[in-house]
Every structure is written in C-alpha cells, then in structure tokens.
C-alpha cells in the first residue's frame, strides 16, 4: 500500500498548538478518521488511484469498487454516487495538507515572528504536495476540472488560509508600525496565486518540483503583506 493511500489516516504526533494559528490551519477541513483498511477508506483511496491512471471522466463505478475490492452495495452504503466519492477525496486531500501545516505550526515557539510562521506554512505546504502527490492532485488539479461541488470544496478550503494570512499580517502590524495596511481582497489573492502556480508546476514539472517554488512563494507573500 502506498503512502498516499495511508496518508489520510496518519494521526498527528505533535501537540495541538494553543495559539490561534493551528485552528486556522484546520478550519473547515475536517480530518477524516477512516481506517485505510475500512471499506470507506479503501473506496476513497481507490478513486484517487483510478483518477490518476484514467482521469475522472473515464473512471467508472466499476473501476472504483474493483480497485477497492468491495461490492457496489458497499459503495452505496458510503456514497451516493461517483461525484460524492470524488468530493470526499478532495476533502481528504485538504485534510492532509491542513494536518501537515497545523503540525508544523505547532512545533514553532510561541514567540515566533509572523514572517517565520508564513515561511513555515508555505514550506510545509510545498513539501506536503511533493510527499502526497495523488491527494494534492485531487485538490489542486482534478477539482478544477470536474463538478462544481468539488470545486466549491476547494474554494472553501482557501478561506481559512486567507484568514491565517490576515492573522499573521495583523500580528506583524501590532509589533511594527511600519507594516502597511493591506485590504482583505488583496490578502485573499495570496492563496489563489500560490494555488494556481502550484497547479501549473504540478502539470508541467510534477509534484516533486513544487518545493523549489517555496522561496518565491514566501517572497511574494511577504511582499504583498508589506512585510518584506
């Protein structure tokens, strides 16, 4: 079984940070608790594998249940249709990324500078994409190509990230009066821009190449927030 199939079950081994940052990192991205050996967990992992091999439109319900080694009746015990299973796989990918960011923030000291926190979030995100390419692809690539429901999930996942950047910016302004005000609309463009560039890198070079973009993403974010 690949690391991707087990990833959404990987528990966090670090303590939850008491600061607001950890909550922001995981808001609206509910962590799935399905065992990778459970029927539901196997179905999600099977869909991810099938989509990677054949693409979402060509993937059939028969493909999914065959790869998961369960019956069609078992599939319908957990999902209403293929789209529902796909949306849940996107949720799972979001949870993987959120867990990684939350754990990384939890390892930082309480007094860590907002710039350090921004670098931590972006570097962790890029590394997670490289480490979990199948689920990252579901979130960043496939969800943009298919049903509106999956796209809506991905868009909703950007909200807590935007809020996190607003939080970091507010903390930076509180200690440094030279940090300028930045509109909420402009801050909201940060995760959108990073997500789009990450998607492009994944499509042209592969997920393994994403971490090399981390320094550029960090410089871009701090510049937008007036913290460079």
Protein backbone atom coordinates (compact mmCIF):
# COMPACT_ATOMS: atom_id res chain seq x y z
CA UNK A 1 0.00 0.00 0.00
CA UNK A 2 1.43 3.38 -0.97
CA UNK A 3 1.99 6.25 1.45
CA UNK A 4 -0.76 8.17 -0.38
CA UNK A 5 -3.34 5.51 0.42
CA UNK A 6 -2.38 5.65 4.11
CA UNK A 7 -1.85 9.37 4.35
CA UNK A 8 -5.35 10.49 5.23
CA UNK A 9 -5.27 8.21 8.26
CA UNK A 10 -1.93 9.44 9.53
CA UNK A 11 -2.54 10.87 13.01
CA UNK A 12 -0.80 14.00 14.15
CA UNK A 13 2.00 13.13 16.55
CA UNK A 14 2.58 16.67 17.70
CA UNK A 15 0.59 18.52 20.31
CA UNK A 16 -2.02 20.96 19.07
CA UNK A 17 -0.67 24.45 19.36
CA UNK A 18 -2.61 26.58 21.82
CA UNK A 19 -2.26 29.63 19.59
CA UNK A 20 -4.91 30.65 17.07
CA UNK A 21 -2.72 29.65 14.11
CA UNK A 22 -3.35 25.91 14.43
CA UNK A 23 -7.11 26.32 14.50
CA UNK A 24 -6.94 28.50 11.40
CA UNK A 25 -4.89 25.90 9.59
CA UNK A 26 -7.53 23.21 10.02
CA UNK A 27 -10.81 25.16 10.00
CA UNK A 28 -13.47 23.70 7.69
CA UNK A 29 -11.07 20.89 6.75
CA UNK A 30 -12.39 18.08 8.92
CA UNK A 31 -9.79 15.38 9.43
CA UNK A 32 -11.06 12.04 8.18
CA UNK A 33 -10.83 9.21 10.67
CA UNK A 34 -11.43 6.32 8.28
CA UNK A 35 -9.07 3.41 8.55
CA UNK A 36 -7.29 2.81 5.24
CA UNK A 37 -8.44 -0.80 5.57
CA UNK A 38 -12.09 0.18 6.09
CA UNK A 39 -14.45 -0.01 3.09
CA UNK A 40 -14.87 3.78 3.01
CA UNK A 41 -11.15 4.43 3.27
CA UNK A 42 -10.39 1.88 0.57
CA UNK A 43 -13.00 3.39 -1.74
CA UNK A 44 -11.52 6.88 -1.41
CA UNK A 45 -8.02 5.56 -2.00
CA UNK A 46 -9.25 3.51 -4.96
CA UNK A 47 -10.91 6.51 -6.59
CA UNK A 48 -7.73 8.55 -6.19
CA UNK A 49 -5.70 5.80 -7.85
CA UNK A 50 -8.19 5.34 -10.67
CA UNK A 51 -8.39 9.07 -11.39
CA UNK A 52 -4.61 9.26 -11.54
CA UNK A 53 -4.49 6.39 -14.03
CA UNK A 54 -7.54 7.12 -16.20
CA UNK A 55 -8.79 10.60 -15.35
CA UNK A 56 -12.06 11.37 -13.61
CA UNK A 57 -14.41 11.24 -16.65
CA UNK A 58 -13.13 7.80 -17.69
CA UNK A 59 -13.22 6.36 -14.18
CA UNK A 60 -16.32 4.25 -13.63
CA UNK A 61 -18.03 2.99 -10.51
CA UNK A 62 -16.94 -0.48 -11.56
CA UNK A 63 -13.31 0.64 -11.62
CA UNK A 64 -13.59 2.06 -8.11
CA UNK A 65 -15.23 -0.94 -6.45
CA UNK A 66 -12.87 -3.33 -8.24
CA UNK A 67 -9.80 -1.41 -7.05
CA UNK A 68 -11.21 -1.19 -3.52
CA UNK A 69 -12.28 -4.86 -3.59
CA UNK A 70 -15.76 -4.13 -2.32
CA UNK A 71 -19.25 -4.58 -3.74
CA UNK A 72 -21.42 -1.92 -5.35
CA UNK A 73 -23.83 -2.19 -2.42
CA UNK A 74 -20.96 -1.38 -0.07
CA UNK A 75 -20.11 1.66 -2.18
CA UNK A 76 -23.66 2.95 -1.86
CA UNK A 77 -23.54 2.49 1.90
CA UNK A 78 -20.94 5.28 1.99
CA UNK A 79 -21.50 7.43 -1.11
CA UNK A 80 -24.49 8.41 -3.21
CA UNK A 81 -22.54 8.40 -6.48
CA UNK A 82 -19.10 8.82 -8.05
CA UNK A 83 -19.18 12.59 -7.62
CA UNK A 84 -19.86 12.25 -3.89
CA UNK A 85 -16.85 9.94 -3.55
CA UNK A 86 -14.75 12.39 -5.54
CA UNK A 87 -15.77 15.30 -3.32
CA UNK A 88 -14.84 13.29 -0.25
CA UNK A 89 -11.43 12.53 -1.75
CA UNK A 90 -10.91 16.28 -2.18
CA UNK A 91 -11.90 16.77 1.47
CA UNK A 92 -9.32 14.14 2.37
CA UNK A 93 -6.60 15.88 0.38
CA UNK A 94 -7.42 19.18 2.09
CA UNK A 95 -7.25 17.45 5.47
CA UNK A 96 -3.82 16.03 4.67
CA UNK A 97 -2.44 19.47 3.78
CA UNK A 98 -4.11 21.08 6.81
CA UNK A 99 -2.75 18.44 9.18
CA UNK A 100 0.78 18.99 7.93
CA UNK A 101 0.55 22.78 8.29
CA UNK A 102 -1.04 22.53 11.73
CA UNK A 103 1.64 20.16 12.98
CA UNK A 104 4.43 22.38 11.61
CA UNK A 105 2.98 25.49 13.25
CA UNK A 106 2.64 23.54 16.49
CA UNK A 107 6.38 22.94 16.54
CA UNK A 108 7.19 26.64 16.37
CA UNK A 109 7.84 28.57 19.59
CA UNK A 110 5.02 30.81 20.76
CA UNK A 111 7.11 33.90 20.15
CA UNK A 112 7.88 33.03 16.53
CA UNK A 113 7.78 36.05 14.24
CA UNK A 114 4.88 36.22 11.73
CA UNK A 115 7.41 36.05 8.90
CA UNK A 116 8.73 32.79 10.31
CA UNK A 117 5.18 31.48 10.50
CA UNK A 118 4.47 32.43 6.90
CA UNK A 119 7.64 30.67 5.76
CA UNK A 120 6.65 27.63 7.81
CA UNK A 121 3.16 27.45 6.30
CA UNK A 122 4.36 27.81 2.71
CA UNK A 123 7.33 25.46 3.01
CA UNK A 124 5.19 22.83 4.71
CA UNK A 125 2.51 23.15 2.04
CA UNK A 126 5.02 22.72 -0.77
CA UNK A 127 6.62 19.71 0.92
CA UNK A 128 3.21 18.14 1.53
CA UNK A 129 2.33 18.46 -2.16
CA UNK A 130 5.56 16.65 -3.06
CA UNK A 131 5.04 13.98 -0.39
CA UNK A 132 1.36 13.33 -1.14
CA UNK A 133 1.11 13.94 -4.90
CA UNK A 134 -2.05 11.93 -5.52
CA UNK A 135 -4.20 13.72 -2.98
CA UNK A 136 -2.60 17.08 -3.78
CA UNK A 137 -3.55 16.50 -7.39
CA UNK A 138 -7.16 15.86 -6.39
CA UNK A 139 -7.28 19.22 -4.56
CA UNK A 140 -5.28 21.41 -6.92
CA UNK A 141 -5.78 19.89 -10.35
CA UNK A 142 -8.70 17.50 -10.67
CA UNK A 143 -11.18 19.51 -8.59
CA UNK A 144 -10.74 22.42 -11.01
CA UNK A 145 -11.65 20.20 -13.96
CA UNK A 146 -14.80 18.50 -12.80
CA UNK A 147 -18.08 19.04 -10.97
CA UNK A 148 -18.92 22.31 -9.27
CA UNK A 149 -19.30 20.57 -5.91
CA UNK A 150 -15.64 19.55 -5.83
CA UNK A 151 -14.54 22.99 -6.97
CA UNK A 152 -16.65 24.58 -4.23
CA UNK A 153 -14.90 22.42 -1.64
CA UNK A 154 -11.51 23.56 -2.91
CA UNK A 155 -12.57 27.22 -2.90
CA UNK A 156 -13.91 26.87 0.64
CA UNK A 157 -10.55 25.48 1.73
CA UNK A 158 -8.91 28.76 0.72
CA UNK A 159 -10.93 30.72 3.30
CA UNK A 160 -9.06 29.56 6.43
CA UNK A 161 -5.73 30.05 4.65
CA UNK A 162 -6.70 33.61 3.78
CA UNK A 163 -7.77 34.18 7.38
CA UNK A 164 -4.44 32.83 8.57
CA UNK A 165 -2.54 35.33 6.43
CA UNK A 166 -4.76 38.13 7.74
CA UNK A 167 -3.93 36.98 11.25
CA UNK A 168 -0.18 36.98 10.56
CA UNK A 169 -0.43 40.43 8.98
CA UNK A 170 -2.34 41.82 11.96
CA UNK A 171 0.26 40.43 14.36
CA UNK A 172 3.08 41.95 12.33
CA UNK A 173 1.38 45.37 12.34
CA UNK A 174 0.86 45.15 16.08
CA UNK A 175 4.59 45.00 16.70
CA UNK A 176 5.84 47.02 13.72
CA UNK A 177 4.01 50.25 12.82
CA UNK A 178 5.88 50.40 9.51
CA UNK A 179 3.94 47.39 8.18
CA UNK A 180 1.27 48.98 5.97
CA UNK A 181 -2.44 48.13 5.94
CA UNK A 182 -3.46 45.65 3.24
CA UNK A 183 -7.00 45.10 2.02
CA UNK A 184 -8.77 41.83 2.69
CA UNK A 185 -9.32 41.40 -1.03
CA UNK A 186 -5.60 41.63 -1.74
CA UNK A 187 -4.75 39.17 1.01
CA UNK A 188 -7.31 36.75 -0.42
CA UNK A 189 -5.35 36.72 -3.68
CA UNK A 190 -2.30 35.18 -1.97
CA UNK A 191 -3.57 31.59 -1.61
CA UNK A 192 -5.25 31.83 -5.01
CA UNK A 193 -1.99 32.83 -6.69
CA UNK A 194 0.07 30.21 -4.86
CA UNK A 195 -2.50 27.52 -5.62
CA UNK A 196 -2.55 28.37 -9.32
CA UNK A 197 1.23 28.43 -9.66
CA UNK A 198 1.48 25.16 -7.73
CA UNK A 199 -1.07 23.60 -10.08
CA UNK A 200 0.94 24.77 -13.09
CA UNK A 201 4.19 23.37 -11.70
CA UNK A 202 2.49 20.04 -10.97
CA UNK A 203 1.20 19.81 -14.53
CA UNK A 204 4.42 20.87 -16.26
CA UNK A 205 7.14 19.50 -13.99
CA UNK A 206 5.49 17.23 -11.45
CA UNK A 207 4.67 17.48 -7.76
CA UNK A 208 8.27 16.74 -6.83
CA UNK A 209 9.27 20.14 -8.25
CA UNK A 210 6.88 22.17 -6.08
CA UNK A 211 9.19 22.63 -3.03
CA UNK A 212 11.63 24.56 -5.23
CA UNK A 213 8.95 27.26 -5.53
CA UNK A 214 8.70 27.81 -1.77
CA UNK A 215 11.21 30.70 -1.62
CA UNK A 216 9.36 32.50 -4.41
CA UNK A 217 6.00 31.97 -2.68
CA UNK A 218 7.41 33.26 0.61
CA UNK A 219 8.86 36.37 -1.04
CA UNK A 220 5.59 37.00 -2.85
CA UNK A 221 3.50 36.65 0.31
CA UNK A 222 5.66 38.87 2.49
CA UNK A 223 5.79 41.49 -0.28
CA UNK A 224 2.00 41.55 -0.63
CA UNK A 225 1.63 41.86 3.12
CA UNK A 226 4.21 44.65 3.29
CA UNK A 227 6.46 42.54 5.49
CA UNK A 228 9.49 42.18 3.20
